[in-house]
């Protein structure tokens, strides 16, 4: 709790985001040059995909905060990959259903990563839409509302990618697609391992037991 309240660590997380954007913009510049081959664009996309995949973890930390600014920063970290639905689905969907068959972000025993990838990507998207639709309905709002946080996040992502294409040209498209795909895949590999084969048991009342440390392949030790 003391470490969580230490502003030093919060600053480290938030400082990552401007550095992430500087790297992304510079990468777009490099891919826009005539001497940059198609292969180099793909390889640069993989390199930046690794950074943008790590950024999903930055978004994860900020998504668990209560402040609107933290949620906005969480979306900003997700913008390059376009994975903005994670800001909604992870805290309000995955955390309730982790290590259950109903959770698209929990891999099942015997499920390969190639089977898990489409199930988690599209399943989490569907879950996020349902969660946000329900939240807006409680407020008397429709899905196509300016208060829809999913639409806000996707709009930010669309603006970023449109800006990069507009400024640096269509030659950046192979890079943009590659970094998004690789970044999402890198993060989902973490998700795949996180709860692989682990299941919470149902109690007599039909509810699942409380999520405990044994339901995740985690270790909180500094050195293992």
C-alpha atoms as a PDB file:
ATOM      1  CA  UNK A   1       0.000   0.000   0.000  1.00  0.00           C
ATOM      2  CA  UNK A   2       2.859   2.367   0.796  1.00  0.00           C
ATOM      3  CA  UNK A   3       4.443   1.777  -2.622  1.00  0.00           C
ATOM      4  CA  UNK A   4       1.065   2.253  -4.318  1.00  0.00           C
ATOM      5  CA  UNK A   5       0.685   5.672  -2.678  1.00  0.00           C
ATOM      6  CA  UNK A   6       4.222   6.748  -3.560  1.00  0.00           C
ATOM      7  CA  UNK A   7       3.906   9.336  -6.408  1.00  0.00           C
ATOM      8  CA  UNK A   8       7.323   8.330  -7.752  1.00  0.00           C
ATOM      9  CA  UNK A   9       5.929   5.145  -9.278  1.00  0.00           C
ATOM     10  CA  UNK A  10       2.894   6.919 -10.724  1.00  0.00           C
ATOM     11  CA  UNK A  11       5.236   9.396 -12.434  1.00  0.00           C
ATOM     12  CA  UNK A  12       7.259   6.544 -13.934  1.00  0.00           C
ATOM     13  CA  UNK A  13       4.117   5.016 -15.453  1.00  0.00           C
ATOM     14  CA  UNK A  14       2.883   8.317 -16.877  1.00  0.00           C
ATOM     15  CA  UNK A  15       6.304   9.336 -18.214  1.00  0.00           C
ATOM     16  CA  UNK A  16       6.262   6.267 -20.451  1.00  0.00           C
ATOM     17  CA  UNK A  17       3.424   7.710 -22.570  1.00  0.00           C
ATOM     18  CA  UNK A  18       5.139  10.810 -24.056  1.00  0.00           C
ATOM     19  CA  UNK A  19       8.244   8.703 -24.730  1.00  0.00           C
ATOM     20  CA  UNK A  20       6.010   6.150 -26.456  1.00  0.00           C
ATOM     21  CA  UNK A  21       4.564   8.820 -28.737  1.00  0.00           C
ATOM     22  CA  UNK A  22       7.961  10.301 -29.575  1.00  0.00           C
ATOM     23  CA  UNK A  23       9.142   6.834 -30.615  1.00  0.00           C
ATOM     24  CA  UNK A  24       5.990   6.181 -32.659  1.00  0.00           C
ATOM     25  CA  UNK A  25       6.139   9.480 -34.537  1.00  0.00           C
ATOM     26  CA  UNK A  26       9.855   9.015 -35.260  1.00  0.00           C
ATOM     27  CA  UNK A  27       9.172   5.490 -36.520  1.00  0.00           C
ATOM     28  CA  UNK A  28       6.525   6.875 -38.890  1.00  0.00           C
ATOM     29  CA  UNK A  29       9.080   9.376 -40.162  1.00  0.00           C
ATOM     30  CA  UNK A  30      11.605   6.595 -40.791  1.00  0.00           C
ATOM     31  CA  UNK A  31       9.076   4.489 -42.691  1.00  0.00           C
ATOM     32  CA  UNK A  32       8.087   7.487 -44.843  1.00  0.00           C
ATOM     33  CA  UNK A  33      11.585   7.801 -46.334  1.00  0.00           C
ATOM     34  CA  UNK A  34      12.002   6.478 -49.876  1.00  0.00           C
ATOM     35  CA  UNK A  35      15.098   4.480 -48.950  1.00  0.00           C
ATOM     36  CA  UNK A  36      13.187   2.496 -46.310  1.00  0.00           C
ATOM     37  CA  UNK A  37      12.370  -0.898 -47.798  1.00  0.00           C
ATOM     38  CA  UNK A  38       9.123  -2.788 -47.227  1.00  0.00           C
ATOM     39  CA  UNK A  39      10.995  -5.347 -45.097  1.00  0.00           C
ATOM     40  CA  UNK A  40      12.475  -2.577 -42.950  1.00  0.00           C
ATOM     41  CA  UNK A  41       8.972  -1.170 -42.409  1.00  0.00           C
ATOM     42  CA  UNK A  42       7.766  -4.559 -41.187  1.00  0.00           C
ATOM     43  CA  UNK A  43      10.792  -5.034 -38.925  1.00  0.00           C
ATOM     44  CA  UNK A  44      10.380  -1.532 -37.511  1.00  0.00           C
ATOM     45  CA  UNK A  45       6.716  -2.348 -36.933  1.00  0.00           C
ATOM     46  CA  UNK A  46       7.739  -5.401 -34.910  1.00  0.00           C
ATOM     47  CA  UNK A  47      10.207  -3.338 -32.863  1.00  0.00           C
ATOM     48  CA  UNK A  48       7.654  -0.635 -32.109  1.00  0.00           C
ATOM     49  CA  UNK A  49       4.977  -3.277 -31.595  1.00  0.00           C
ATOM     50  CA  UNK A  50       7.016  -4.526 -28.656  1.00  0.00           C
ATOM     51  CA  UNK A  51       6.974  -1.020 -27.144  1.00  0.00           C
ATOM     52  CA  UNK A  52       3.267  -0.544 -27.813  1.00  0.00           C
ATOM     53  CA  UNK A  53       2.567  -3.990 -26.397  1.00  0.00           C
ATOM     54  CA  UNK A  54       4.307  -2.953 -23.186  1.00  0.00           C
ATOM     55  CA  UNK A  55       2.156   0.191 -23.297  1.00  0.00           C
ATOM     56  CA  UNK A  56      -0.900  -2.007 -22.773  1.00  0.00           C
ATOM     57  CA  UNK A  57       0.556  -2.793 -19.346  1.00  0.00           C
ATOM     58  CA  UNK A  58       0.895   0.956 -18.753  1.00  0.00           C
ATOM     59  CA  UNK A  59      -2.769   1.319 -19.710  1.00  0.00           C
ATOM     60  CA  UNK A  60      -3.577  -1.546 -17.359  1.00  0.00           C
ATOM     61  CA  UNK A  61      -2.107   0.249 -14.369  1.00  0.00           C
ATOM     62  CA  UNK A  62      -3.892   3.502 -15.205  1.00  0.00           C
ATOM     63  CA  UNK A  63      -7.211   1.782 -15.934  1.00  0.00           C
ATOM     64  CA  UNK A  64      -7.420   0.686 -12.301  1.00  0.00           C
ATOM     65  CA  UNK A  65      -7.206   4.260 -11.048  1.00  0.00           C
ATOM     66  CA  UNK A  66     -10.326   6.289 -10.292  1.00  0.00           C
ATOM     67  CA  UNK A  67      -9.450   9.622 -11.870  1.00  0.00           C
ATOM     68  CA  UNK A  68     -10.712  10.710 -15.284  1.00  0.00           C
ATOM     69  CA  UNK A  69      -7.217  11.922 -16.234  1.00  0.00           C
ATOM     70  CA  UNK A  70      -5.768   8.485 -15.496  1.00  0.00           C
ATOM     71  CA  UNK A  71      -8.434   6.884 -17.699  1.00  0.00           C
ATOM     72  CA  UNK A  72      -7.624   9.350 -20.495  1.00  0.00           C
ATOM     73  CA  UNK A  73      -3.920   8.514 -20.198  1.00  0.00           C
ATOM     74  CA  UNK A  74      -4.830   4.827 -20.280  1.00  0.00           C
ATOM     75  CA  UNK A  75      -6.576   5.397 -23.606  1.00  0.00           C
ATOM     76  CA  UNK A  76      -3.589   7.347 -24.925  1.00  0.00           C
ATOM     77  CA  UNK A  77      -1.304   4.390 -24.195  1.00  0.00           C
ATOM     78  CA  UNK A  78      -3.688   2.140 -26.157  1.00  0.00           C
ATOM     79  CA  UNK A  79      -4.106   4.475 -29.141  1.00  0.00           C
ATOM     80  CA  UNK A  80      -1.224   3.134 -31.342  1.00  0.00           C
ATOM     81  CA  UNK A  81      -2.548  -0.446 -31.163  1.00  0.00           C
ATOM     82  CA  UNK A  82      -6.197   0.653 -31.324  1.00  0.00           C
ATOM     83  CA  UNK A  83      -6.888  -1.660 -28.385  1.00  0.00           C
ATOM     84  CA  UNK A  84      -8.932   0.926 -26.493  1.00  0.00           C
ATOM     85  CA  UNK A  85     -11.705  -1.475 -25.516  1.00  0.00           C
ATOM     86  CA  UNK A  86      -9.188  -2.966 -23.044  1.00  0.00           C
ATOM     87  CA  UNK A  87      -9.718   0.118 -20.814  1.00  0.00           C
ATOM     88  CA  UNK A  88     -13.333  -0.982 -20.330  1.00  0.00           C
ATOM     89  CA  UNK A  89     -13.216  -4.756 -20.537  1.00  0.00           C
ATOM     90  CA  UNK A  90     -10.263  -5.432 -18.256  1.00  0.00           C
ATOM     91  CA  UNK A  91     -11.388  -3.765 -15.006  1.00  0.00           C
ATOM     92  CA  UNK A  92     -15.127  -4.382 -15.432  1.00  0.00           C
ATOM     93  CA  UNK A  93     -15.184  -7.696 -17.287  1.00  0.00           C
ATOM     94  CA  UNK A  94     -11.987  -9.692 -16.881  1.00  0.00           C
ATOM     95  CA  UNK A  95     -11.594  -8.990 -13.171  1.00  0.00           C
ATOM     96  CA  UNK A  96     -15.075 -10.353 -12.473  1.00  0.00           C
ATOM     97  CA  UNK A  97     -14.729 -13.440 -14.684  1.00  0.00           C
ATOM     98  CA  UNK A  98     -11.012 -14.282 -14.485  1.00  0.00           C
ATOM     99  CA  UNK A  99     -10.248 -18.016 -14.438  1.00  0.00           C
ATOM    100  CA  UNK A 100     -13.789 -18.962 -15.518  1.00  0.00           C
ATOM    101  CA  UNK A 101     -15.072 -20.397 -18.829  1.00  0.00           C
ATOM    102  CA  UNK A 102     -17.034 -17.153 -19.353  1.00  0.00           C
ATOM    103  CA  UNK A 103     -13.871 -15.035 -19.516  1.00  0.00           C
ATOM    104  CA  UNK A 104     -12.510 -14.527 -23.044  1.00  0.00           C
ATOM    105  CA  UNK A 105      -9.181 -13.365 -21.571  1.00  0.00           C
ATOM    106  CA  UNK A 106      -8.529 -16.609 -19.632  1.00  0.00           C
ATOM    107  CA  UNK A 107      -6.997 -19.445 -21.647  1.00  0.00           C
ATOM    108  CA  UNK A 108      -8.320 -22.945 -21.118  1.00  0.00           C
ATOM    109  CA  UNK A 109      -6.444 -26.178 -20.549  1.00  0.00           C
ATOM    110  CA  UNK A 110      -5.205 -27.545 -23.867  1.00  0.00           C
ATOM    111  CA  UNK A 111      -6.058 -24.369 -25.787  1.00  0.00           C
ATOM    112  CA  UNK A 112      -3.226 -23.207 -28.041  1.00  0.00           C
ATOM    113  CA  UNK A 113      -2.276 -19.548 -28.305  1.00  0.00           C
ATOM    114  CA  UNK A 114      -3.466 -19.553 -31.940  1.00  0.00           C
ATOM    115  CA  UNK A 115      -6.894 -20.706 -30.766  1.00  0.00           C
ATOM    116  CA  UNK A 116      -6.869 -18.272 -27.855  1.00  0.00           C
ATOM    117  CA  UNK A 117      -5.916 -15.184 -29.905  1.00  0.00           C
ATOM    118  CA  UNK A 118      -9.160 -14.755 -31.892  1.00  0.00           C
ATOM    119  CA  UNK A 119     -11.287 -15.819 -28.928  1.00  0.00           C
ATOM    120  CA  UNK A 120      -9.772 -13.237 -26.589  1.00  0.00           C
ATOM    121  CA  UNK A 121      -9.452 -10.385 -29.114  1.00  0.00           C
ATOM    122  CA  UNK A 122     -13.000 -10.582 -30.466  1.00  0.00           C
ATOM    123  CA  UNK A 123     -14.531 -11.897 -27.247  1.00  0.00           C
ATOM    124  CA  UNK A 124     -13.057  -9.030 -25.207  1.00  0.00           C
ATOM    125  CA  UNK A 125     -14.287  -6.527 -27.798  1.00  0.00           C
ATOM    126  CA  UNK A 126     -17.807  -7.968 -27.589  1.00  0.00           C
ATOM    127  CA  UNK A 127     -17.646  -7.902 -23.790  1.00  0.00           C
ATOM    128  CA  UNK A 128     -16.500  -4.265 -23.728  1.00  0.00           C
ATOM    129  CA  UNK A 129     -19.377  -3.225 -25.997  1.00  0.00           C
ATOM    130  CA  UNK A 130     -21.860  -5.003 -23.733  1.00  0.00           C
ATOM    131  CA  UNK A 131     -20.383  -3.453 -20.590  1.00  0.00           C
ATOM    132  CA  UNK A 132     -20.399   0.084 -21.995  1.00  0.00           C
ATOM    133  CA  UNK A 133     -23.897  -0.345 -23.455  1.00  0.00           C
ATOM    134  CA  UNK A 134     -25.196  -1.415 -20.042  1.00  0.00           C
ATOM    135  CA  UNK A 135     -23.457   1.486 -18.291  1.00  0.00           C
ATOM    136  CA  UNK A 136     -24.913   4.032 -20.694  1.00  0.00           C
ATOM    137  CA  UNK A 137     -28.375   2.454 -20.491  1.00  0.00           C
ATOM    138  CA  UNK A 138     -28.372   2.964 -16.729  1.00  0.00           C
ATOM    139  CA  UNK A 139     -27.773   6.668 -17.381  1.00  0.00           C
ATOM    140  CA  UNK A 140     -30.546   6.819 -19.960  1.00  0.00           C
ATOM    141  CA  UNK A 141     -28.052   7.122 -22.823  1.00  0.00           C
ATOM    142  CA  UNK A 142     -27.727   5.192 -26.071  1.00  0.00           C
ATOM    143  CA  UNK A 143     -24.582   3.464 -27.327  1.00  0.00           C
ATOM    144  CA  UNK A 144     -24.017   6.155 -29.966  1.00  0.00           C
ATOM    145  CA  UNK A 145     -23.537   8.828 -27.341  1.00  0.00           C
ATOM    146  CA  UNK A 146     -20.699  11.286 -26.834  1.00  0.00           C
ATOM    147  CA  UNK A 147     -20.371   9.836 -23.323  1.00  0.00           C
ATOM    148  CA  UNK A 148     -19.459   6.433 -24.743  1.00  0.00           C
ATOM    149  CA  UNK A 149     -15.880   5.857 -23.572  1.00  0.00           C
ATOM    150  CA  UNK A 150     -15.328   3.188 -26.221  1.00  0.00           C
ATOM    151  CA  UNK A 151     -16.168   5.617 -29.011  1.00  0.00           C
ATOM    152  CA  UNK A 152     -13.939   8.234 -27.389  1.00  0.00           C
ATOM    153  CA  UNK A 153     -10.995   5.820 -27.316  1.00  0.00           C
ATOM    154  CA  UNK A 154     -11.531   4.574 -30.850  1.00  0.00           C
ATOM    155  CA  UNK A 155     -11.861   8.167 -32.017  1.00  0.00           C
ATOM    156  CA  UNK A 156      -8.503   8.998 -30.453  1.00  0.00           C
ATOM    157  CA  UNK A 157      -6.929   6.000 -32.176  1.00  0.00           C
ATOM    158  CA  UNK A 158      -8.488   6.877 -35.534  1.00  0.00           C
ATOM    159  CA  UNK A 159      -7.238  10.463 -35.190  1.00  0.00           C
ATOM    160  CA  UNK A 160      -3.696   9.279 -34.442  1.00  0.00           C
ATOM    161  CA  UNK A 161      -3.500   6.856 -37.352  1.00  0.00           C
ATOM    162  CA  UNK A 162      -5.133   9.330 -39.742  1.00  0.00           C
ATOM    163  CA  UNK A 163      -2.647  11.989 -38.662  1.00  0.00           C
ATOM    164  CA  UNK A 164       0.325   9.690 -39.219  1.00  0.00           C
ATOM    165  CA  UNK A 165      -0.959   8.721 -42.673  1.00  0.00           C
ATOM    166  CA  UNK A 166      -1.733  12.348 -43.499  1.00  0.00           C
ATOM    167  CA  UNK A 167       1.642  13.690 -42.369  1.00  0.00           C
ATOM    168  CA  UNK A 168       3.960  10.874 -43.452  1.00  0.00           C
ATOM    169  CA  UNK A 169       1.994   9.307 -46.302  1.00  0.00           C
ATOM    170  CA  UNK A 170       0.516   5.932 -47.179  1.00  0.00           C
ATOM    171  CA  UNK A 171       3.967   4.371 -47.068  1.00  0.00           C
ATOM    172  CA  UNK A 172       3.595   4.171 -43.284  1.00  0.00           C
ATOM    173  CA  UNK A 173       0.600   1.812 -43.547  1.00  0.00           C
ATOM    174  CA  UNK A 174       2.595  -1.482 -43.457  1.00  0.00           C
ATOM    175  CA  UNK A 175       4.379  -0.204 -40.358  1.00  0.00           C
ATOM    176  CA  UNK A 176       1.159   0.920 -38.627  1.00  0.00           C
ATOM    177  CA  UNK A 177      -0.599  -2.392 -39.254  1.00  0.00           C
ATOM    178  CA  UNK A 178       2.412  -4.467 -38.189  1.00  0.00           C
ATOM    179  CA  UNK A 179       3.041  -2.594 -34.923  1.00  0.00           C
ATOM    180  CA  UNK A 180      -0.639  -2.836 -33.944  1.00  0.00           C
ATOM    181  CA  UNK A 181      -0.871  -6.559 -34.701  1.00  0.00           C
ATOM    182  CA  UNK A 182       2.416  -7.390 -32.996  1.00  0.00           C
ATOM    183  CA  UNK A 183       1.678  -5.174 -29.966  1.00  0.00           C
ATOM    184  CA  UNK A 184      -1.732  -6.783 -29.431  1.00  0.00           C
ATOM    185  CA  UNK A 185      -0.290 -10.270 -29.893  1.00  0.00           C
ATOM    186  CA  UNK A 186       2.563  -9.616 -27.471  1.00  0.00           C
ATOM    187  CA  UNK A 187       0.130  -8.502 -24.796  1.00  0.00           C
ATOM    188  CA  UNK A 188      -2.222 -11.426 -25.415  1.00  0.00           C
ATOM    189  CA  UNK A 189       0.662 -13.861 -24.961  1.00  0.00           C
ATOM    190  CA  UNK A 190       0.887 -12.492 -21.411  1.00  0.00           C
ATOM    191  CA  UNK A 191      -2.863 -12.968 -20.996  1.00  0.00           C
ATOM    192  CA  UNK A 192      -2.551 -16.499 -22.369  1.00  0.00           C
ATOM    193  CA  UNK A 193      -0.015 -17.466 -19.710  1.00  0.00           C
ATOM    194  CA  UNK A 194      -1.657 -15.499 -16.888  1.00  0.00           C
ATOM    195  CA  UNK A 195      -4.557 -17.878 -16.181  1.00  0.00           C
ATOM    196  CA  UNK A 196      -3.752 -20.886 -18.372  1.00  0.00           C
ATOM    197  CA  UNK A 197      -5.668 -23.963 -17.255  1.00  0.00           C
ATOM    198  CA  UNK A 198      -6.791 -22.398 -13.982  1.00  0.00           C
ATOM    199  CA  UNK A 199     -10.450 -22.508 -12.944  1.00  0.00           C
ATOM    200  CA  UNK A 200     -12.379 -21.047 -10.041  1.00  0.00           C
ATOM    201  CA  UNK A 201     -14.895 -23.497  -8.652  1.00  0.00           C
ATOM    202  CA  UNK A 202     -18.595 -22.781  -8.374  1.00  0.00           C
ATOM    203  CA  UNK A 203     -20.161 -22.691  -4.921  1.00  0.00           C
ATOM    204  CA  UNK A 204     -23.521 -24.221  -3.997  1.00  0.00           C
ATOM    205  CA  UNK A 205     -25.288 -20.929  -4.692  1.00  0.00           C
ATOM    206  CA  UNK A 206     -24.044 -21.022  -8.292  1.00  0.00           C
ATOM    207  CA  UNK A 207     -21.527 -18.194  -7.851  1.00  0.00           C
ATOM    208  CA  UNK A 208     -17.820 -18.636  -8.423  1.00  0.00           C
ATOM    209  CA  UNK A 209     -15.423 -18.691  -5.514  1.00  0.00           C
ATOM    210  CA  UNK A 210     -13.459 -15.528  -4.845  1.00  0.00           C
ATOM    211  CA  UNK A 211     -10.442 -14.899  -7.077  1.00  0.00           C
ATOM    212  CA  UNK A 212      -7.313 -15.889  -5.159  1.00  0.00           C
ATOM    213  CA  UNK A 213      -3.556 -15.881  -5.921  1.00  0.00           C
ATOM    214  CA  UNK A 214      -3.747 -19.531  -6.993  1.00  0.00           C
ATOM    215  CA  UNK A 215      -5.982 -18.511  -9.904  1.00  0.00           C
ATOM    216  CA  UNK A 216      -3.129 -16.666 -11.646  1.00  0.00           C
ATOM    217  CA  UNK A 217       0.380 -17.685 -12.637  1.00  0.00           C
ATOM    218  CA  UNK A 218       1.879 -14.729 -10.762  1.00  0.00           C
ATOM    219  CA  UNK A 219       4.728 -14.257  -8.346  1.00  0.00           C
ATOM    220  CA  UNK A 220       5.127 -11.088  -6.307  1.00  0.00           C
ATOM    221  CA  UNK A 221       8.725 -11.760  -5.286  1.00  0.00           C
ATOM    222  CA  UNK A 222      11.372  -9.386  -6.664  1.00  0.00           C
ATOM    223  CA  UNK A 223      13.580 -12.364  -7.605  1.00  0.00           C
ATOM    224  CA  UNK A 224      12.230 -15.861  -8.311  1.00  0.00           C
END
